[in-house]
Amino acid sequence: MIVTDRTLLSPNWAMAQAIAPAITGGATAVIFRETDLPPGPRRAVACFVKDGVRGQVPLIVAGDPRFAVSIGADGVLIENQSLSVDEARSIVGSRSHVGAAATSLEQAAEVSSAGADFVLINLDWNDTNRSLELLLRYAEMCSAPVIAAMDMPVSTVAKCLGAGAAGVAICEPAMAAYNRTSSVRAYAGALGLAG
């Protein structure tokens, strides 16, 4: 998964210009964040991202499921627990993806048992061994697929899979790299995906 962050883009690069090469490199989903933007500008940027995705992979919006529906996204990522998985699904519809970011083992188990399609776990990759140990614990507690985040070294991806992750989420390698296609392709290759 690619997680957007427009602040990492090179000057004069539009978000859609970053997303398209990442998809070419093998990204299998895009999580649109940009939650610091006011609703109008966020909608405009989201529409550009949707143009960059062009239906090739799911576009999942972080935050408000109503916003996700309003731009025609393929799902929502719940980042705070003010909204339950069931409430989010009732808004986006049964065919849309509902993922949840979890910051504790208990929270991960809760959203997983509530029917989240995936659980995103943000780990500190400065301490790889500790992060892999935590990832293993998350994977053991969750019935839903666990996505390891954020921006681990490519050399760690196979270890993430070995610890039970179903996939990984990256931001900087897709948003800030000079050659976004090549950067994402390295992660896709480590995951065993064709890029």
Foldseek 3Di string as FASTA:
>chain_A
DEEEDQVQADPPDAPLNLLLLLVLLPDAEYEYEPVVDDLVVSLVSVLSVCVSCVPVHFYEYEDDLLSCVVNVGQYYEDEDVPDAQVRSCVSNDPRGAYEYEDADLVRLLVNQVSPHQEYEYEDDQVPVVVRLVVLLSSQVSHPHAYEYDEDHDLVCFLSSVVSRHPYYYYYNCRRNDPRNSVSSNSNCVSNVHHD
